[in-house]
Amino acid sequence: MATRKQRHQTALDTLTAELKRIVESGDFAAWCTRMARFRTYSPGNRQLIATQRPDATRVASVKTWNSLGRTVIKGERGIVVNVPRPYWVNHAGKRIKPPRDGVFPPGGAHEKIAFGTGYVFDISQTEGDPLDDGPTAPNRAPDDLAAHLFDHCRTEGVAVEYRDGMPPGLSGYWRPATDTITLNAGDSHGDQVATLAHELAHRHDPQLRNALDARDPRYYRHHQADCEAVAEATAHTIAALYGFDLTATSGHYIASWVGNDTDRLAGLADRVGRIVDTICPPHQAATAPTTAAPSAPIARALPPAAPAARAVR
């Protein structure tokens, strides 16, 4: 029988192989291209969007929606945003047209940015083809895995609550200030358990915890790709210990963060292993929890809208 360490390594090897397959596959490249069309808006534009349409979840221009097989419903009013418009000036400060061959006149030129007004539309203002958010976890997670994770939350004093009406694609998030994990009430049991494991991984991530203890709000923002890859790899490994296969969904999720850097996950393996051992200590059997996972929400609350799928707040 394989040792626990060997099972950990097998789970990570399987995930790494899936990550490489996904990154190299045309299907994933097309999916990433579609998702990349949703721009990351500046803080100022996010405020403009929230002020004009607080319930907005996914916004894009008419052109982008059309490229995704959706059209703006007739009569819908656009959401005003600031649009950067670059232009060029010569050494004397006079505005010039950039040369087609890319070679500027003697003295050079400088690029400057002006801002104009543009319009975007929320997905609720459009109709057409459904969007593909990638694979999801199997509908039902093993009861012993769910029970272990909920028992761990109770032991650690982590509150778990469910929320209705989350934005599309948002599975849940952890709020360090209240040590609360919020799960999407509309997700399947399998997705909820996978997200719970992911958010617990954020909570126990030593790098992230050190930053939070030091009151450094920039760490997660500057190292978000690594934090998300670590959390999802941890969730995948814990699930594998209980025979719950998250290879497809975890592979796609990690690939969306690390892109073509398929060796990045291997460099994070020690960090993943430490978190796995914290949530599932080696001395604990992976098949014998004693408390059933709750089938009803522990609590229901409406915190501020979370910024990203499976996120830290």
C-alpha atoms as a PDB file:
ATOM      1  CA  MET A   1       0.000   0.000   0.000  1.00  0.00           C
ATOM      2  CA  ALA A   2       1.286   3.465  -0.894  1.00  0.00           C
ATOM      3  CA  THR A   3       2.437   5.675   1.953  1.00  0.00           C
ATOM      4  CA  ARG A   4       0.774   9.000   2.666  1.00  0.00           C
ATOM      5  CA  LYS A   5       3.765  10.849   1.229  1.00  0.00           C
ATOM      6  CA  GLN A   6       3.567   8.774  -1.938  1.00  0.00           C
ATOM      7  CA  ARG A   7      -0.156   9.500  -2.224  1.00  0.00           C
ATOM      8  CA  HIS A   8       0.545  13.228  -1.862  1.00  0.00           C
ATOM      9  CA  GLN A   9       3.167  13.041  -4.600  1.00  0.00           C
ATOM     10  CA  THR A  10       0.899  10.996  -6.862  1.00  0.00           C
ATOM     11  CA  ALA A  11      -1.874  13.560  -6.489  1.00  0.00           C
ATOM     12  CA  LEU A  12       0.492  16.424  -7.347  1.00  0.00           C
ATOM     13  CA  ASP A  13       2.029  14.507 -10.255  1.00  0.00           C
ATOM     14  CA  THR A  14      -1.442  13.818 -11.641  1.00  0.00           C
ATOM     15  CA  LEU A  15      -2.378  17.476 -11.294  1.00  0.00           C
ATOM     16  CA  THR A  16       0.870  18.630 -12.931  1.00  0.00           C
ATOM     17  CA  ALA A  17       0.316  16.280 -15.868  1.00  0.00           C
ATOM     18  CA  GLU A  18      -3.246  17.540 -16.266  1.00  0.00           C
ATOM     19  CA  LEU A  19      -2.032  21.119 -16.069  1.00  0.00           C
ATOM     20  CA  LYS A  20       0.449  20.513 -18.893  1.00  0.00           C
ATOM     21  CA  ARG A  21      -2.212  18.743 -20.982  1.00  0.00           C
ATOM     22  CA  ILE A  22      -4.667  21.588 -20.466  1.00  0.00           C
ATOM     23  CA  VAL A  23      -2.167  24.325 -21.281  1.00  0.00           C
ATOM     24  CA  GLU A  24      -1.122  22.502 -24.463  1.00  0.00           C
ATOM     25  CA  SER A  25      -4.666  21.703 -25.599  1.00  0.00           C
ATOM     26  CA  GLY A  26      -6.422  23.818 -28.170  1.00  0.00           C
ATOM     27  CA  ASP A  27      -9.682  23.632 -26.217  1.00  0.00           C
ATOM     28  CA  PHE A  28      -8.179  25.325 -23.174  1.00  0.00           C
ATOM     29  CA  ALA A  29      -6.399  27.919 -25.291  1.00  0.00           C
ATOM     30  CA  ALA A  30      -9.754  28.838 -26.839  1.00  0.00           C
ATOM     31  CA  TRP A  31     -11.417  28.960 -23.413  1.00  0.00           C
ATOM     32  CA  CYS A  32      -8.669  31.222 -22.037  1.00  0.00           C
ATOM     33  CA  THR A  33      -9.015  33.487 -25.046  1.00  0.00           C
ATOM     34  CA  ARG A  34     -12.735  33.847 -24.397  1.00  0.00           C
ATOM     35  CA  MET A  35     -12.231  34.566 -20.704  1.00  0.00           C
ATOM     36  CA  ALA A  36      -9.425  37.040 -21.433  1.00  0.00           C
ATOM     37  CA  ARG A  37     -11.906  39.205 -23.300  1.00  0.00           C
ATOM     38  CA  PHE A  38     -13.341  40.263 -19.957  1.00  0.00           C
ATOM     39  CA  ARG A  39     -11.023  43.132 -19.100  1.00  0.00           C
ATOM     40  CA  THR A  40      -9.706  43.782 -15.630  1.00  0.00           C
ATOM     41  CA  TYR A  41     -11.025  47.233 -14.915  1.00  0.00           C
ATOM     42  CA  SER A  42      -9.161  49.927 -12.989  1.00  0.00           C
ATOM     43  CA  PRO A  43     -10.254  50.821  -9.433  1.00  0.00           C
ATOM     44  CA  GLY A  44     -11.806  54.019 -10.767  1.00  0.00           C
ATOM     45  CA  ASN A  45     -13.816  52.182 -13.395  1.00  0.00           C
ATOM     46  CA  ARG A  46     -14.874  49.538 -10.867  1.00  0.00           C
ATOM     47  CA  GLN A  47     -16.282  52.341  -8.742  1.00  0.00           C
ATOM     48  CA  LEU A  48     -18.074  53.811 -11.761  1.00  0.00           C
ATOM     49  CA  ILE A  49     -19.560  50.410 -12.611  1.00  0.00           C
ATOM     50  CA  ALA A  50     -20.651  49.718  -9.025  1.00  0.00           C
ATOM     51  CA  THR A  51     -22.227  53.164  -8.696  1.00  0.00           C
ATOM     52  CA  GLN A  52     -24.240  52.895 -11.906  1.00  0.00           C
ATOM     53  CA  ARG A  53     -25.132  49.211 -11.703  1.00  0.00           C
ATOM     54  CA  PRO A  54     -24.490  47.681  -8.239  1.00  0.00           C
ATOM     55  CA  ASP A  55     -25.734  44.249  -9.348  1.00  0.00           C
ATOM     56  CA  ALA A  56     -23.289  43.992 -12.286  1.00  0.00           C
ATOM     57  CA  THR A  57     -21.323  40.734 -12.399  1.00  0.00           C
ATOM     58  CA  ARG A  58     -19.633  40.584 -15.821  1.00  0.00           C
ATOM     59  CA  VAL A  59     -19.276  43.624 -18.002  1.00  0.00           C
ATOM     60  CA  ALA A  60     -17.871  44.044 -21.491  1.00  0.00           C
ATOM     61  CA  SER A  61     -18.221  46.199 -24.573  1.00  0.00           C
ATOM     62  CA  VAL A  62     -20.744  45.546 -27.321  1.00  0.00           C
ATOM     63  CA  LYS A  63     -17.921  44.280 -29.536  1.00  0.00           C
ATOM     64  CA  THR A  64     -16.753  41.794 -26.915  1.00  0.00           C
ATOM     65  CA  TRP A  65     -20.264  40.489 -26.245  1.00  0.00           C
ATOM     66  CA  ASN A  66     -20.816  40.045 -29.982  1.00  0.00           C
ATOM     67  CA  SER A  67     -17.572  38.067 -30.286  1.00  0.00           C
ATOM     68  CA  LEU A  68     -18.873  35.752 -27.546  1.00  0.00           C
ATOM     69  CA  GLY A  69     -22.149  35.104 -29.351  1.00  0.00           C
ATOM     70  CA  ARG A  70     -24.239  37.482 -27.245  1.00  0.00           C
ATOM     71  CA  THR A  71     -25.975  40.743 -28.161  1.00  0.00           C
ATOM     72  CA  VAL A  72     -27.044  43.696 -26.054  1.00  0.00           C
ATOM     73  CA  ILE A  73     -30.813  43.769 -25.530  1.00  0.00           C
ATOM     74  CA  LYS A  74     -32.456  46.641 -27.374  1.00  0.00           C
ATOM     75  CA  GLY A  75     -33.120  49.637 -25.131  1.00  0.00           C
ATOM     76  CA  GLU A  76     -30.479  48.775 -22.496  1.00  0.00           C
ATOM     77  CA  ARG A  77     -28.457  51.751 -21.263  1.00  0.00           C
ATOM     78  CA  GLY A  78     -24.673  51.383 -21.242  1.00  0.00           C
ATOM     79  CA  ILE A  79     -22.497  51.721 -18.147  1.00  0.00           C
ATOM     80  CA  VAL A  80     -20.138  54.687 -18.518  1.00  0.00           C
ATOM     81  CA  VAL A  81     -16.433  53.967 -18.038  1.00  0.00           C
ATOM     82  CA  ASN A  82     -13.212  55.858 -18.674  1.00  0.00           C
ATOM     83  CA  VAL A  83     -11.388  54.608 -21.760  1.00  0.00           C
ATOM     84  CA  PRO A  84      -7.643  55.292 -22.211  1.00  0.00           C
ATOM     85  CA  ARG A  85      -6.738  56.840 -25.561  1.00  0.00           C
ATOM     86  CA  PRO A  86      -2.975  56.931 -26.174  1.00  0.00           C
ATOM     87  CA  TYR A  87      -1.407  59.587 -28.387  1.00  0.00           C
ATOM     88  CA  TRP A  88       2.082  60.730 -29.321  1.00  0.00           C
ATOM     89  CA  VAL A  89       3.878  64.069 -29.019  1.00  0.00           C
ATOM     90  CA  ASN A  90       7.255  65.138 -30.405  1.00  0.00           C
ATOM     91  CA  HIS A  91      10.096  66.740 -28.441  1.00  0.00           C
ATOM     92  CA  ALA A  92       8.379  70.138 -28.743  1.00  0.00           C
ATOM     93  CA  GLY A  93       5.162  68.811 -27.209  1.00  0.00           C
ATOM     94  CA  LYS A  94       3.238  68.886 -30.484  1.00  0.00           C
ATOM     95  CA  ARG A  95       0.815  66.050 -31.091  1.00  0.00           C
ATOM     96  CA  ILE A  96       1.860  63.780 -33.971  1.00  0.00           C
ATOM     97  CA  LYS A  97       0.656  60.620 -35.647  1.00  0.00           C
ATOM     98  CA  PRO A  98       2.727  57.512 -34.944  1.00  0.00           C
ATOM     99  CA  PRO A  99       4.583  56.449 -38.097  1.00  0.00           C
ATOM    100  CA  ARG A 100       3.419  53.211 -39.666  1.00  0.00           C
ATOM    101  CA  ASP A 101       6.953  51.810 -39.767  1.00  0.00           C
ATOM    102  CA  GLY A 102       7.479  52.549 -36.060  1.00  0.00           C
ATOM    103  CA  VAL A 103      10.439  54.880 -36.763  1.00  0.00           C
ATOM    104  CA  PHE A 104       9.962  58.329 -35.253  1.00  0.00           C
ATOM    105  CA  PRO A 105      11.567  61.518 -36.583  1.00  0.00           C
ATOM    106  CA  PRO A 106      14.818  62.920 -35.116  1.00  0.00           C
ATOM    107  CA  GLY A 107      14.327  64.027 -31.535  1.00  0.00           C
ATOM    108  CA  GLY A 108      12.028  61.112 -30.808  1.00  0.00           C
ATOM    109  CA  ALA A 109       8.493  61.099 -29.474  1.00  0.00           C
ATOM    110  CA  HIS A 110       6.684  60.314 -26.265  1.00  0.00           C
ATOM    111  CA  GLU A 111       3.475  58.417 -25.709  1.00  0.00           C
ATOM    112  CA  LYS A 112       0.850  60.068 -23.528  1.00  0.00           C
ATOM    113  CA  ILE A 113      -2.557  58.969 -22.352  1.00  0.00           C
ATOM    114  CA  ALA A 114      -5.827  60.854 -22.543  1.00  0.00           C
ATOM    115  CA  PHE A 115      -9.147  59.507 -21.344  1.00  0.00           C
ATOM    116  CA  GLY A 116     -12.462  59.476 -23.112  1.00  0.00           C
ATOM    117  CA  THR A 117     -15.878  58.017 -22.395  1.00  0.00           C
ATOM    118  CA  GLY A 118     -16.816  54.450 -23.264  1.00  0.00           C
ATOM    119  CA  TYR A 119     -19.725  52.152 -22.539  1.00  0.00           C
ATOM    120  CA  VAL A 120     -19.928  48.585 -21.277  1.00  0.00           C
ATOM    121  CA  PHE A 121     -22.874  46.316 -20.558  1.00  0.00           C
ATOM    122  CA  ASP A 122     -23.500  43.714 -17.865  1.00  0.00           C
ATOM    123  CA  ILE A 123     -24.254  40.140 -18.889  1.00  0.00           C
ATOM    124  CA  SER A 124     -27.813  40.622 -17.593  1.00  0.00           C
ATOM    125  CA  GLN A 125     -28.262  43.248 -20.329  1.00  0.00           C
ATOM    126  CA  THR A 126     -27.389  40.738 -23.042  1.00  0.00           C
ATOM    127  CA  GLU A 127     -28.869  37.620 -24.583  1.00  0.00           C
ATOM    128  CA  GLY A 128     -27.471  34.775 -26.655  1.00  0.00           C
ATOM    129  CA  ASP A 129     -25.044  31.905 -26.196  1.00  0.00           C
ATOM    130  CA  PRO A 130     -24.303  30.753 -22.620  1.00  0.00           C
ATOM    131  CA  LEU A 131     -20.785  31.358 -21.372  1.00  0.00           C
ATOM    132  CA  ASP A 132     -18.459  28.466 -20.696  1.00  0.00           C
ATOM    133  CA  ASP A 133     -16.864  28.770 -17.244  1.00  0.00           C
ATOM    134  CA  GLY A 134     -14.925  25.532 -17.587  1.00  0.00           C
ATOM    135  CA  PRO A 135     -15.437  22.184 -15.841  1.00  0.00           C
ATOM    136  CA  THR A 136     -17.039  21.795 -12.420  1.00  0.00           C
ATOM    137  CA  ALA A 137     -16.472  19.290  -9.630  1.00  0.00           C
ATOM    138  CA  PRO A 138     -18.477  16.054  -9.545  1.00  0.00           C
ATOM    139  CA  ASN A 139     -21.960  16.690  -8.157  1.00  0.00           C
ATOM    140  CA  ARG A 140     -21.479  14.774  -4.915  1.00  0.00           C
ATOM    141  CA  ALA A 141     -18.404  14.681  -2.710  1.00  0.00           C
ATOM    142  CA  PRO A 142     -17.701  11.696  -0.434  1.00  0.00           C
ATOM    143  CA  ASP A 143     -19.509  12.099   2.887  1.00  0.00           C
ATOM    144  CA  ASP A 144     -16.352  11.345   4.870  1.00  0.00           C
ATOM    145  CA  LEU A 145     -14.440  14.122   3.094  1.00  0.00           C
ATOM    146  CA  ALA A 146     -17.222  16.644   3.704  1.00  0.00           C
ATOM    147  CA  ALA A 147     -17.517  15.558   7.331  1.00  0.00           C
ATOM    148  CA  HIS A 148     -13.777  15.908   7.911  1.00  0.00           C
ATOM    149  CA  LEU A 149     -13.677  19.433   6.490  1.00  0.00           C
ATOM    150  CA  PHE A 150     -16.695  20.609   8.482  1.00  0.00           C
ATOM    151  CA  ASP A 151     -15.297  18.980  11.631  1.00  0.00           C
ATOM    152  CA  HIS A 152     -12.026  20.806  11.007  1.00  0.00           C
ATOM    153  CA  CYS A 153     -13.902  24.103  10.724  1.00  0.00           C
ATOM    154  CA  ARG A 154     -15.699  23.485  14.006  1.00  0.00           C
ATOM    155  CA  THR A 155     -12.460  22.566  15.765  1.00  0.00           C
ATOM    156  CA  GLU A 156     -10.672  25.633  14.394  1.00  0.00           C
ATOM    157  CA  GLY A 157     -13.578  27.991  15.073  1.00  0.00           C
ATOM    158  CA  VAL A 158     -14.130  28.786  11.400  1.00  0.00           C
ATOM    159  CA  ALA A 159     -17.678  29.907  10.616  1.00  0.00           C
ATOM    160  CA  VAL A 160     -19.187  28.474   7.435  1.00  0.00           C
ATOM    161  CA  GLU A 161     -22.170  30.138   5.833  1.00  0.00           C
ATOM    162  CA  TYR A 162     -24.008  29.968   2.559  1.00  0.00           C
ATOM    163  CA  ARG A 163     -25.070  32.809   0.317  1.00  0.00           C
ATOM    164  CA  ASP A 164     -27.732  32.920  -2.378  1.00  0.00           C
ATOM    165  CA  GLY A 165     -27.391  35.028  -5.491  1.00  0.00           C
ATOM    166  CA  MET A 166     -23.607  35.033  -5.863  1.00  0.00           C
ATOM    167  CA  PRO A 167     -22.254  36.408  -9.147  1.00  0.00           C
ATOM    168  CA  PRO A 168     -21.749  33.798 -11.892  1.00  0.00           C
ATOM    169  CA  GLY A 169     -18.468  31.963 -11.473  1.00  0.00           C
ATOM    170  CA  LEU A 170     -18.021  32.849  -7.811  1.00  0.00           C
ATOM    171  CA  SER A 171     -17.856  29.693  -5.698  1.00  0.00           C
ATOM    172  CA  GLY A 172     -16.961  31.202  -2.332  1.00  0.00           C
ATOM    173  CA  TYR A 173     -14.477  33.214  -0.313  1.00  0.00           C
ATOM    174  CA  TRP A 174     -12.762  33.464   3.075  1.00  0.00           C
ATOM    175  CA  ARG A 175     -12.907  36.635   5.175  1.00  0.00           C
ATOM    176  CA  PRO A 176      -9.879  36.731   7.512  1.00  0.00           C
ATOM    177  CA  ALA A 177     -11.355  39.548   9.630  1.00  0.00           C
ATOM    178  CA  THR A 178     -14.203  37.316  10.825  1.00  0.00           C
ATOM    179  CA  ASP A 179     -12.620  33.935  10.001  1.00  0.00           C
ATOM    180  CA  THR A 180     -15.684  33.089   7.921  1.00  0.00           C
ATOM    181  CA  ILE A 181     -15.930  30.991   4.776  1.00  0.00           C
ATOM    182  CA  THR A 182     -18.906  31.768   2.554  1.00  0.00           C
ATOM    183  CA  LEU A 183     -20.046  29.169   0.018  1.00  0.00           C
ATOM    184  CA  ASN A 184     -22.349  29.572  -2.957  1.00  0.00           C
ATOM    185  CA  ALA A 185     -25.710  28.107  -1.938  1.00  0.00           C
ATOM    186  CA  GLY A 186     -26.507  27.431  -5.596  1.00  0.00           C
ATOM    187  CA  ASP A 187     -23.475  25.191  -6.205  1.00  0.00           C
ATOM    188  CA  SER A 188     -23.587  21.414  -6.121  1.00  0.00           C
ATOM    189  CA  HIS A 189     -22.494  19.535  -2.995  1.00  0.00           C
ATOM    190  CA  GLY A 190     -19.275  18.573  -4.798  1.00  0.00           C
ATOM    191  CA  ASP A 191     -18.432  22.158  -5.709  1.00  0.00           C
ATOM    192  CA  GLN A 192     -19.201  23.367  -2.187  1.00  0.00           C
ATOM    193  CA  VAL A 193     -16.880  20.791  -0.620  1.00  0.00           C
ATOM    194  CA  ALA A 194     -14.135  21.544  -3.162  1.00  0.00           C
ATOM    195  CA  THR A 195     -14.465  25.265  -2.433  1.00  0.00           C
ATOM    196  CA  LEU A 196     -14.419  24.671   1.318  1.00  0.00           C
ATOM    197  CA  ALA A 197     -11.122  22.786   0.957  1.00  0.00           C
ATOM    198  CA  HIS A 198      -9.762  25.594  -1.242  1.00  0.00           C
ATOM    199  CA  GLU A 199     -10.690  28.338   1.228  1.00  0.00           C
ATOM    200  CA  LEU A 200      -9.322  26.376   4.190  1.00  0.00           C
ATOM    201  CA  ALA A 201      -6.083  26.109   2.234  1.00  0.00           C
ATOM    202  CA  HIS A 202      -5.969  29.908   1.982  1.00  0.00           C
ATOM    203  CA  ARG A 203      -6.567  30.119   5.735  1.00  0.00           C
ATOM    204  CA  HIS A 204      -3.664  27.783   6.517  1.00  0.00           C
ATOM    205  CA  ASP A 205      -1.261  29.034   3.822  1.00  0.00           C
ATOM    206  CA  PRO A 206       1.853  29.992   5.856  1.00  0.00           C
ATOM    207  CA  GLN A 207       2.935  32.701   3.425  1.00  0.00           C
ATOM    208  CA  LEU A 208      -0.485  34.311   3.368  1.00  0.00           C
ATOM    209  CA  ARG A 209      -0.898  34.019   7.132  1.00  0.00           C
ATOM    210  CA  ASN A 210       2.467  35.709   7.729  1.00  0.00           C
ATOM    211  CA  ALA A 211       1.394  38.586   5.495  1.00  0.00           C
ATOM    212  CA  LEU A 212      -1.952  38.924   7.255  1.00  0.00           C
ATOM    213  CA  ASP A 213      -0.282  38.842  10.686  1.00  0.00           C
ATOM    214  CA  ALA A 214       2.085  41.590   9.489  1.00  0.00           C
ATOM    215  CA  ARG A 215      -0.955  43.560   8.264  1.00  0.00           C
ATOM    216  CA  ASP A 216       0.410  43.558   4.724  1.00  0.00           C
ATOM    217  CA  PRO A 217      -2.614  43.868   2.409  1.00  0.00           C
ATOM    218  CA  ARG A 218      -0.389  43.877  -0.661  1.00  0.00           C
ATOM    219  CA  TYR A 219       0.930  40.327  -0.413  1.00  0.00           C
ATOM    220  CA  TYR A 220      -2.130  38.529  -1.765  1.00  0.00           C
ATOM    221  CA  ARG A 221      -2.606  41.145  -4.479  1.00  0.00           C
ATOM    222  CA  HIS A 222       1.011  40.825  -5.644  1.00  0.00           C
ATOM    223  CA  HIS A 223       1.210  37.029  -5.295  1.00  0.00           C
ATOM    224  CA  GLN A 224      -2.341  36.081  -6.172  1.00  0.00           C
ATOM    225  CA  ALA A 225      -1.374  33.528  -8.824  1.00  0.00           C
ATOM    226  CA  ASP A 226       0.800  31.546  -6.386  1.00  0.00           C
ATOM    227  CA  CYS A 227      -1.794  31.788  -3.602  1.00  0.00           C
ATOM    228  CA  GLU A 228      -4.555  30.506  -5.869  1.00  0.00           C
ATOM    229  CA  ALA A 229      -2.413  27.726  -7.326  1.00  0.00           C
ATOM    230  CA  VAL A 230      -1.405  26.595  -3.815  1.00  0.00           C
ATOM    231  CA  ALA A 231      -4.986  26.644  -2.529  1.00  0.00           C
ATOM    232  CA  GLU A 232      -6.364  24.672  -5.473  1.00  0.00           C
ATOM    233  CA  ALA A 233      -3.513  22.154  -5.462  1.00  0.00           C
ATOM    234  CA  THR A 234      -4.147  21.641  -1.754  1.00  0.00           C
ATOM    235  CA  ALA A 235      -7.866  21.109  -2.349  1.00  0.00           C
ATOM    236  CA  HIS A 236      -7.051  18.617  -5.114  1.00  0.00           C
ATOM    237  CA  THR A 237      -4.611  16.698  -2.904  1.00  0.00           C
ATOM    238  CA  ILE A 238      -6.985  16.520   0.087  1.00  0.00           C
ATOM    239  CA  ALA A 239      -9.814  15.404  -2.179  1.00  0.00           C
ATOM    240  CA  ALA A 240      -7.563  12.701  -3.668  1.00  0.00           C
ATOM    241  CA  LEU A 241      -6.885  11.313  -0.172  1.00  0.00           C
ATOM    242  CA  TYR A 242     -10.628  10.608   0.008  1.00  0.00           C
ATOM    243  CA  GLY A 243     -10.959   9.304  -3.547  1.00  0.00           C
ATOM    244  CA  PHE A 244     -12.623  12.486  -4.844  1.00  0.00           C
ATOM    245  CA  ASP A 245     -11.198  13.313  -8.289  1.00  0.00           C
ATOM    246  CA  LEU A 246     -10.885  17.067  -8.926  1.00  0.00           C
ATOM    247  CA  THR A 247      -8.202  16.721 -11.584  1.00  0.00           C
ATOM    248  CA  ALA A 248     -10.150  18.358 -14.416  1.00  0.00           C
ATOM    249  CA  THR A 249     -11.572  21.311 -12.504  1.00  0.00           C
ATOM    250  CA  SER A 250      -8.381  21.917 -10.482  1.00  0.00           C
ATOM    251  CA  GLY A 251      -6.210  21.702 -13.569  1.00  0.00           C
ATOM    252  CA  HIS A 252      -8.261  24.303 -15.414  1.00  0.00           C
ATOM    253  CA  TYR A 253      -8.386  26.583 -12.375  1.00  0.00           C
ATOM    254  CA  ILE A 254      -4.627  26.503 -11.806  1.00  0.00           C
ATOM    255  CA  ALA A 255      -3.889  26.896 -15.509  1.00  0.00           C
ATOM    256  CA  SER A 256      -6.000  30.042 -15.568  1.00  0.00           C
ATOM    257  CA  TRP A 257      -3.632  31.521 -12.945  1.00  0.00           C
ATOM    258  CA  VAL A 258      -0.188  30.227 -13.914  1.00  0.00           C
ATOM    259  CA  GLY A 259      -0.667  30.247 -17.685  1.00  0.00           C
ATOM    260  CA  ASN A 260       2.133  28.486 -19.543  1.00  0.00           C
ATOM    261  CA  ASP A 261       4.421  28.237 -16.494  1.00  0.00           C
ATOM    262  CA  THR A 262       3.732  24.550 -15.901  1.00  0.00           C
ATOM    263  CA  ASP A 263       6.780  24.104 -13.645  1.00  0.00           C
ATOM    264  CA  ARG A 264       5.443  26.657 -11.196  1.00  0.00           C
ATOM    265  CA  LEU A 265       3.260  24.133  -9.384  1.00  0.00           C
ATOM    266  CA  ALA A 266       6.238  21.861  -8.691  1.00  0.00           C
ATOM    267  CA  GLY A 267       7.995  24.779  -7.009  1.00  0.00           C
ATOM    268  CA  LEU A 268       5.050  25.207  -4.659  1.00  0.00           C
ATOM    269  CA  ALA A 269       4.824  21.523  -3.680  1.00  0.00           C
ATOM    270  CA  ASP A 270       6.379  21.908  -0.206  1.00  0.00           C
ATOM    271  CA  ARG A 271       3.971  24.714   0.655  1.00  0.00           C
ATOM    272  CA  VAL A 272       1.048  22.572  -0.517  1.00  0.00           C
ATOM    273  CA  GLY A 273       2.270  19.603   1.538  1.00  0.00           C
ATOM    274  CA  ARG A 274       2.460  21.676   4.736  1.00  0.00           C
ATOM    275  CA  ILE A 275      -1.103  22.883   4.321  1.00  0.00           C
ATOM    276  CA  VAL A 276      -2.398  19.393   3.529  1.00  0.00           C
ATOM    277  CA  ASP A 277      -0.777  18.063   6.708  1.00  0.00           C
ATOM    278  CA  THR A 278      -2.383  20.872   8.728  1.00  0.00           C
ATOM    279  CA  ILE A 279      -5.902  20.203   7.444  1.00  0.00           C
ATOM    280  CA  CYS A 280      -5.482  16.412   7.311  1.00  0.00           C
ATOM    281  CA  PRO A 281      -2.846  15.505   9.926  1.00  0.00           C
ATOM    282  CA  PRO A 282      -0.943  12.315   9.050  1.00  0.00           C
ATOM    283  CA  HIS A 283      -2.105  10.571  12.230  1.00  0.00           C
ATOM    284  CA  GLN A 284      -5.755  10.970  11.244  1.00  0.00           C
ATOM    285  CA  ALA A 285      -7.342   8.263   9.163  1.00  0.00           C
ATOM    286  CA  ALA A 286      -8.827   9.578   5.944  1.00  0.00           C
ATOM    287  CA  THR A 287     -11.876   7.373   6.233  1.00  0.00           C
ATOM    288  CA  ALA A 288     -13.228   7.620   9.746  1.00  0.00           C
ATOM    289  CA  PRO A 289     -14.685  10.995  10.752  1.00  0.00           C
ATOM    290  CA  THR A 290     -17.492  10.753  13.270  1.00  0.00           C
ATOM    291  CA  THR A 291     -19.692  13.770  12.533  1.00  0.00           C
ATOM    292  CA  ALA A 292     -21.965  14.050   9.514  1.00  0.00           C
ATOM    293  CA  ALA A 293     -21.558  17.149   7.337  1.00  0.00           C
ATOM    294  CA  PRO A 294     -24.449  19.558   7.693  1.00  0.00           C
ATOM    295  CA  SER A 295     -26.940  19.403   4.834  1.00  0.00           C
ATOM    296  CA  ALA A 296     -28.381  22.833   5.714  1.00  0.00           C
ATOM    297  CA  PRO A 297     -26.511  26.129   5.901  1.00  0.00           C
ATOM    298  CA  ILE A 298     -24.833  26.977   9.191  1.00  0.00           C
ATOM    299  CA  ALA A 299     -25.721  30.607   8.555  1.00  0.00           C
ATOM    300  CA  ARG A 300     -26.889  32.805   5.729  1.00  0.00           C
ATOM    301  CA  ALA A 301     -25.500  36.301   5.288  1.00  0.00           C
ATOM    302  CA  LEU A 302     -25.060  38.907   2.596  1.00  0.00           C
ATOM    303  CA  PRO A 303     -21.493  40.239   2.883  1.00  0.00           C
ATOM    304  CA  PRO A 304     -20.174  42.673   0.276  1.00  0.00           C
ATOM    305  CA  ALA A 305     -19.770  41.132  -3.163  1.00  0.00           C
ATOM    306  CA  ALA A 306     -16.539  39.149  -3.360  1.00  0.00           C
ATOM    307  CA  PRO A 307     -14.088  40.181  -6.068  1.00  0.00           C
ATOM    308  CA  ALA A 308     -13.099  36.832  -7.579  1.00  0.00           C
ATOM    309  CA  ALA A 309     -13.953  33.174  -7.673  1.00  0.00           C
ATOM    310  CA  ARG A 310     -12.679  31.265  -4.639  1.00  0.00           C
ATOM    311  CA  ALA A 311     -11.197  34.413  -3.193  1.00  0.00           C
ATOM    312  CA  VAL A 312      -9.651  35.831  -0.041  1.00  0.00           C
ATOM    313  CA  ARG A 313     -11.321  38.958   1.314  1.00  0.00           C
END
